[in-house]
Amino acid sequence: MAKRCQLTGTGPQFGHNVSHSNRKTHRRFDPNLQRVTLYSDLLRRNVGLRVTTRALRSVSRLGGLDAFLLRTGDQNLAPEAQRLKRQLKRALAGSSRRAATAS
């Protein structure tokens, strides 16, 4: 399973362990991924994702999954998140059409 955030696309970074004698050995900094279930108001369903804790803080700060996806540019989203954003836009367009025909 890939160590990549499904919202932001953040993956592992690489660097060195540096000893006291200044020897450098390769190491890998993995993102802090958590498996979470977020509720989408527009889609009316739960969405299970593997998300970094940093992205989870951003989602809660912006007011939920829908607000996060709609405010964030496509270039900053992972492919899974872009797919979700397209579904949200379709649901939003469908609900606005229904509201326009009802009034």
Protein backbone atom coordinates (compact mmCIF):
# COMPACT_ATOMS: atom_id res chain seq x y z
CA MET A 1 0.00 0.00 0.00
CA ALA A 2 1.41 3.37 -1.04
CA LYS A 3 2.42 5.75 1.71
CA ARG A 4 0.66 8.69 0.09
CA CYS A 5 -2.08 11.01 1.34
CA GLN A 6 -5.27 10.59 -0.68
CA LEU A 7 -6.21 14.27 -0.31
CA THR A 8 -2.97 16.21 -0.73
CA GLY A 9 -0.74 13.61 -2.39
CA THR A 10 1.99 14.03 0.22
CA GLY A 11 4.45 11.14 0.03
CA PRO A 12 7.68 10.07 1.69
CA GLN A 13 10.66 12.39 1.73
CA PHE A 14 14.29 11.35 1.81
CA GLY A 15 17.28 12.58 3.74
CA HIS A 16 20.20 11.48 5.85
CA ASN A 17 20.86 10.31 9.36
CA VAL A 18 23.92 12.25 10.44
CA SER A 19 26.02 10.70 13.18
CA HIS A 20 28.25 12.50 15.65
CA SER A 21 31.22 11.72 13.39
CA ASN A 22 29.26 13.29 10.50
CA ARG A 23 28.68 10.03 8.62
CA LYS A 24 25.57 10.26 6.46
CA THR A 25 23.30 7.26 5.92
CA HIS A 26 20.12 7.33 3.88
CA ARG A 27 16.79 7.46 5.63
CA ARG A 28 13.16 7.98 4.72
CA PHE A 29 10.64 10.33 6.35
CA ASP A 30 7.20 8.73 5.98
CA PRO A 31 4.07 10.90 6.26
CA ASN A 32 1.86 10.46 9.33
CA LEU A 33 -1.05 8.68 7.62
CA GLN A 34 -4.28 7.89 9.42
CA ARG A 35 -7.28 5.97 8.12
CA VAL A 36 -10.32 8.24 8.59
CA THR A 37 -13.94 8.31 7.55
CA LEU A 38 -15.19 11.76 6.60
CA TYR A 39 -18.82 12.63 5.90
CA SER A 40 -19.71 14.50 2.72
CA ASP A 41 -22.86 16.60 3.04
CA LEU A 42 -23.34 17.00 -0.71
CA LEU A 43 -22.82 13.33 -1.53
CA ARG A 44 -24.73 12.26 1.63
CA ARG A 45 -22.30 9.45 2.39
CA ASN A 46 -19.17 8.60 4.33
CA VAL A 47 -15.87 8.60 2.46
CA GLY A 48 -13.01 6.46 3.77
CA LEU A 49 -9.55 7.88 3.09
CA ARG A 50 -5.92 7.57 4.20
CA VAL A 51 -4.98 11.12 5.12
CA THR A 52 -2.02 12.83 6.74
CA THR A 53 -2.67 14.50 10.06
CA ARG A 54 -1.72 17.85 8.49
CA ALA A 55 -4.44 17.44 5.82
CA LEU A 56 -6.92 16.37 8.50
CA ARG A 57 -6.26 19.61 10.39
CA SER A 58 -6.82 21.59 7.20
CA VAL A 59 -10.11 19.79 6.55
CA SER A 60 -11.39 20.57 10.04
CA ARG A 61 -10.18 24.20 9.86
CA LEU A 62 -11.97 24.82 6.55
CA GLY A 63 -15.24 23.31 7.77
CA GLY A 64 -15.36 19.75 6.50
CA LEU A 65 -14.49 17.62 3.49
CA ASP A 66 -16.76 19.41 1.01
CA ALA A 67 -15.44 22.88 1.86
CA PHE A 68 -11.83 21.66 1.75
CA LEU A 69 -12.21 20.08 -1.69
CA LEU A 70 -14.13 22.97 -3.21
CA ARG A 71 -11.68 25.61 -1.92
CA THR A 72 -8.47 23.78 -2.82
CA GLY A 73 -7.06 24.08 -6.34
CA ASP A 74 -6.84 20.95 -8.50
CA GLN A 75 -3.04 21.18 -8.75
CA ASN A 76 -2.80 20.76 -4.94
CA LEU A 77 -5.05 17.67 -4.80
CA ALA A 78 -4.24 14.00 -5.29
CA PRO A 79 -6.05 12.14 -8.11
CA GLU A 80 -8.49 10.50 -5.65
CA ALA A 81 -9.37 13.91 -4.23
CA GLN A 82 -9.84 15.37 -7.73
CA ARG A 83 -12.28 12.54 -8.48
CA LEU A 84 -14.22 13.34 -5.29
CA LYS A 85 -14.22 17.04 -6.16
CA ARG A 86 -15.75 16.31 -9.59
CA GLN A 87 -18.48 14.25 -7.90
CA LEU A 88 -19.14 17.13 -5.49
CA LYS A 89 -19.43 19.65 -8.33
CA ARG A 90 -21.88 17.36 -10.16
CA ALA A 91 -23.97 16.97 -7.01
CA LEU A 92 -23.86 20.73 -6.40
CA ALA A 93 -24.95 21.49 -9.98
CA GLY A 94 -27.77 18.94 -9.72
CA SER A 95 -29.06 20.37 -6.44
CA SER A 96 -28.99 23.94 -7.80
CA ARG A 97 -30.93 22.82 -10.91
CA ARG A 98 -33.54 21.14 -8.74
CA ALA A 99 -33.85 24.28 -6.61
CA ALA A 100 -34.26 26.47 -9.71
CA THR A 101 -37.02 24.28 -11.17
CA ALA A 102 -38.85 24.08 -7.82
CA SER A 103 -39.15 27.86 -7.47
